[in-house]
Amino acid sequence: MQNEGLTRDRCISGNTIHGYLNDFAKEHDLVRRTRVSTTVTNIEKADSGVWRLDIKNANGIKTKKLIVASGVPSDPYTPSWPKEDFNKPNINSAHVGTSLKTLQSPATDRVVVFGAAKSAYDTVFVLLKAGKKVD
């Protein structure tokens, strides 16, 4: 990523990330494989490991790999997914600031962040600065 677009505290601007991701998507032929403004009505994972997504007003999708990158910056959104036997905190990036005590606790050593917006990048940045392992 370029050095331009860095803020004084060395964070990367949203415009820089947007440009980088667009260039990356074009260079790696991802644009035609990406759906935007699409409503997923249901997600299920089969015993075979294949994910099935039901799409509003469109044909569904079956895939072996699923990346969840959702939400609008001004309207925090946490998607639902199967959470049986999962009892760890689920923190939306909009609430990272109010959850710093939990995130920076010695009891928290590993964190999974999913999403592709600037808020996900900022969350990873905060966690790495706190010495956490980020998946």
Protein backbone atom coordinates (compact mmCIF):
# COMPACT_ATOMS: atom_id res chain seq x y z
CA MET A 1 0.00 0.00 0.00
CA GLN A 2 1.20 3.51 -0.74
CA ASN A 3 2.60 5.87 1.89
CA GLU A 4 0.24 8.61 0.77
CA GLY A 5 -3.04 8.73 2.64
CA LEU A 6 -1.48 8.17 6.06
CA THR A 7 -2.78 10.36 8.87
CA ARG A 8 -0.44 12.03 11.36
CA ASP A 9 -0.79 9.04 13.70
CA ARG A 10 0.10 6.71 10.79
CA CYS A 11 -3.41 5.32 10.25
CA ILE A 12 -4.45 4.75 6.67
CA SER A 13 -7.27 6.90 5.32
CA GLY A 14 -10.50 5.39 4.05
CA ASN A 15 -9.85 6.85 0.58
CA THR A 16 -6.45 5.14 0.41
CA ILE A 17 -7.93 1.78 1.43
CA HIS A 18 -10.80 2.21 -1.04
CA GLY A 19 -8.38 2.93 -3.89
CA TYR A 20 -6.12 0.04 -2.94
CA LEU A 21 -8.98 -2.45 -2.74
CA ASN A 22 -10.43 -1.31 -6.07
CA ASP A 23 -7.04 -1.61 -7.77
CA PHE A 24 -6.47 -5.04 -6.19
CA ALA A 25 -9.91 -6.27 -7.29
CA LYS A 26 -9.29 -5.14 -10.86
CA GLU A 27 -5.76 -6.58 -10.99
CA HIS A 28 -6.91 -9.99 -9.69
CA ASP A 29 -10.13 -10.19 -11.73
CA LEU A 30 -12.34 -10.04 -8.64
CA VAL A 31 -14.76 -7.35 -9.80
CA ARG A 32 -16.85 -9.74 -11.90
CA ARG A 33 -16.95 -12.17 -8.97
CA THR A 34 -18.17 -9.60 -6.46
CA ARG A 35 -21.80 -8.80 -5.69
CA VAL A 36 -22.75 -5.51 -4.07
CA SER A 37 -26.16 -4.22 -3.01
CA THR A 38 -27.22 -7.84 -2.51
CA THR A 39 -29.41 -9.09 0.33
CA VAL A 40 -28.52 -12.50 1.73
CA THR A 41 -31.62 -13.89 3.42
CA ASN A 42 -30.09 -17.06 4.88
CA ILE A 43 -26.70 -18.75 5.30
CA GLU A 44 -26.27 -22.43 6.07
CA LYS A 45 -23.20 -24.64 6.21
CA ALA A 46 -23.76 -28.23 5.07
CA ASP A 47 -22.03 -31.21 6.70
CA SER A 48 -19.89 -31.37 3.54
CA GLY A 49 -18.45 -27.95 4.43
CA VAL A 50 -20.19 -26.17 1.55
CA TRP A 51 -21.93 -22.89 2.38
CA ARG A 52 -25.35 -22.19 0.88
CA LEU A 53 -26.54 -18.61 0.62
CA ASP A 54 -30.10 -17.66 -0.20
CA ILE A 55 -30.26 -14.36 -2.08
CA LYS A 56 -33.29 -12.06 -2.18
CA ASN A 57 -34.66 -11.80 -5.74
CA ALA A 58 -31.80 -13.87 -7.23
CA ASN A 59 -30.48 -17.42 -7.52
CA GLY A 60 -28.72 -18.78 -4.46
CA ILE A 61 -25.01 -19.46 -4.19
CA LYS A 62 -23.08 -22.54 -3.06
CA THR A 63 -19.43 -22.06 -2.16
CA LYS A 64 -16.62 -23.73 -0.22
CA LYS A 65 -15.34 -20.39 1.07
CA LEU A 66 -17.34 -17.51 2.52
CA ILE A 67 -16.11 -14.04 3.42
CA VAL A 68 -18.53 -11.92 5.43
CA ALA A 69 -17.96 -8.23 4.74
CA SER A 70 -21.10 -6.39 5.66
CA GLY A 71 -22.39 -3.24 7.21
CA VAL A 72 -22.67 0.44 6.57
CA PRO A 73 -20.37 2.78 8.52
CA SER A 74 -23.24 4.82 9.98
CA ASP A 75 -25.44 1.80 10.73
CA PRO A 76 -23.58 -0.98 12.60
CA TYR A 77 -24.66 -4.41 11.45
CA THR A 78 -23.75 -7.76 12.91
CA PRO A 79 -24.83 -10.68 10.72
CA SER A 80 -26.25 -13.81 12.25
CA TRP A 81 -24.60 -17.19 11.72
CA PRO A 82 -24.65 -20.54 13.53
CA LYS A 83 -23.28 -19.92 17.02
CA GLU A 84 -23.92 -23.23 18.78
CA ASP A 85 -21.31 -23.80 21.48
CA PHE A 86 -19.88 -20.29 20.94
CA ASN A 87 -19.82 -18.32 24.17
CA LYS A 88 -17.23 -15.62 23.51
CA PRO A 89 -18.04 -11.91 23.13
CA ASN A 90 -19.26 -10.79 19.71
CA ILE A 91 -18.27 -7.14 19.38
CA ASN A 92 -19.23 -4.97 16.43
CA SER A 93 -16.47 -2.60 15.34
CA ALA A 94 -18.76 0.30 16.25
CA HIS A 95 -18.36 -0.80 19.89
CA VAL A 96 -14.60 -1.40 19.99
CA GLY A 97 -14.03 1.83 21.91
CA THR A 98 -16.48 0.90 24.65
CA SER A 99 -15.13 -2.67 24.71
CA LEU A 100 -11.43 -1.82 25.11
CA LYS A 101 -11.33 -3.19 28.66
CA THR A 102 -12.44 -6.62 27.41
CA LEU A 103 -10.28 -6.51 24.29
CA GLN A 104 -7.13 -5.39 26.12
CA SER A 105 -7.60 -7.80 29.03
CA PRO A 106 -4.86 -10.40 29.53
CA ALA A 107 -7.65 -13.00 29.28
CA THR A 108 -8.12 -11.98 25.65
CA ASP A 109 -5.14 -13.28 23.70
CA ARG A 110 -6.63 -14.11 20.31
CA VAL A 111 -9.33 -12.33 18.29
CA VAL A 112 -11.04 -13.02 14.97
CA VAL A 113 -12.01 -9.95 12.94
CA PHE A 114 -14.13 -10.33 9.86
CA GLY A 115 -15.16 -7.65 7.45
CA ALA A 116 -13.36 -5.65 4.81
CA ALA A 117 -14.21 -2.06 5.55
CA LYS A 118 -11.98 0.50 7.16
CA SER A 119 -13.55 -0.30 10.53
CA ALA A 120 -12.17 -3.85 10.29
CA TYR A 121 -8.71 -2.47 9.49
CA ASP A 122 -8.93 0.00 12.38
CA THR A 123 -10.02 -2.80 14.74
CA VAL A 124 -7.10 -5.00 13.69
CA PHE A 125 -4.74 -2.04 14.18
CA VAL A 126 -6.01 -1.47 17.75
CA LEU A 127 -5.73 -5.18 18.60
CA LEU A 128 -2.22 -5.57 17.20
CA LYS A 129 -1.08 -2.47 19.13
CA ALA A 130 -2.48 -4.16 22.25
CA GLY A 131 -0.35 -7.26 21.51
CA LYS A 132 -3.22 -9.56 20.55
CA LYS A 133 -3.07 -12.34 17.97
CA VAL A 134 -5.52 -11.48 15.20
CA ASP A 135 -6.98 -14.09 12.84
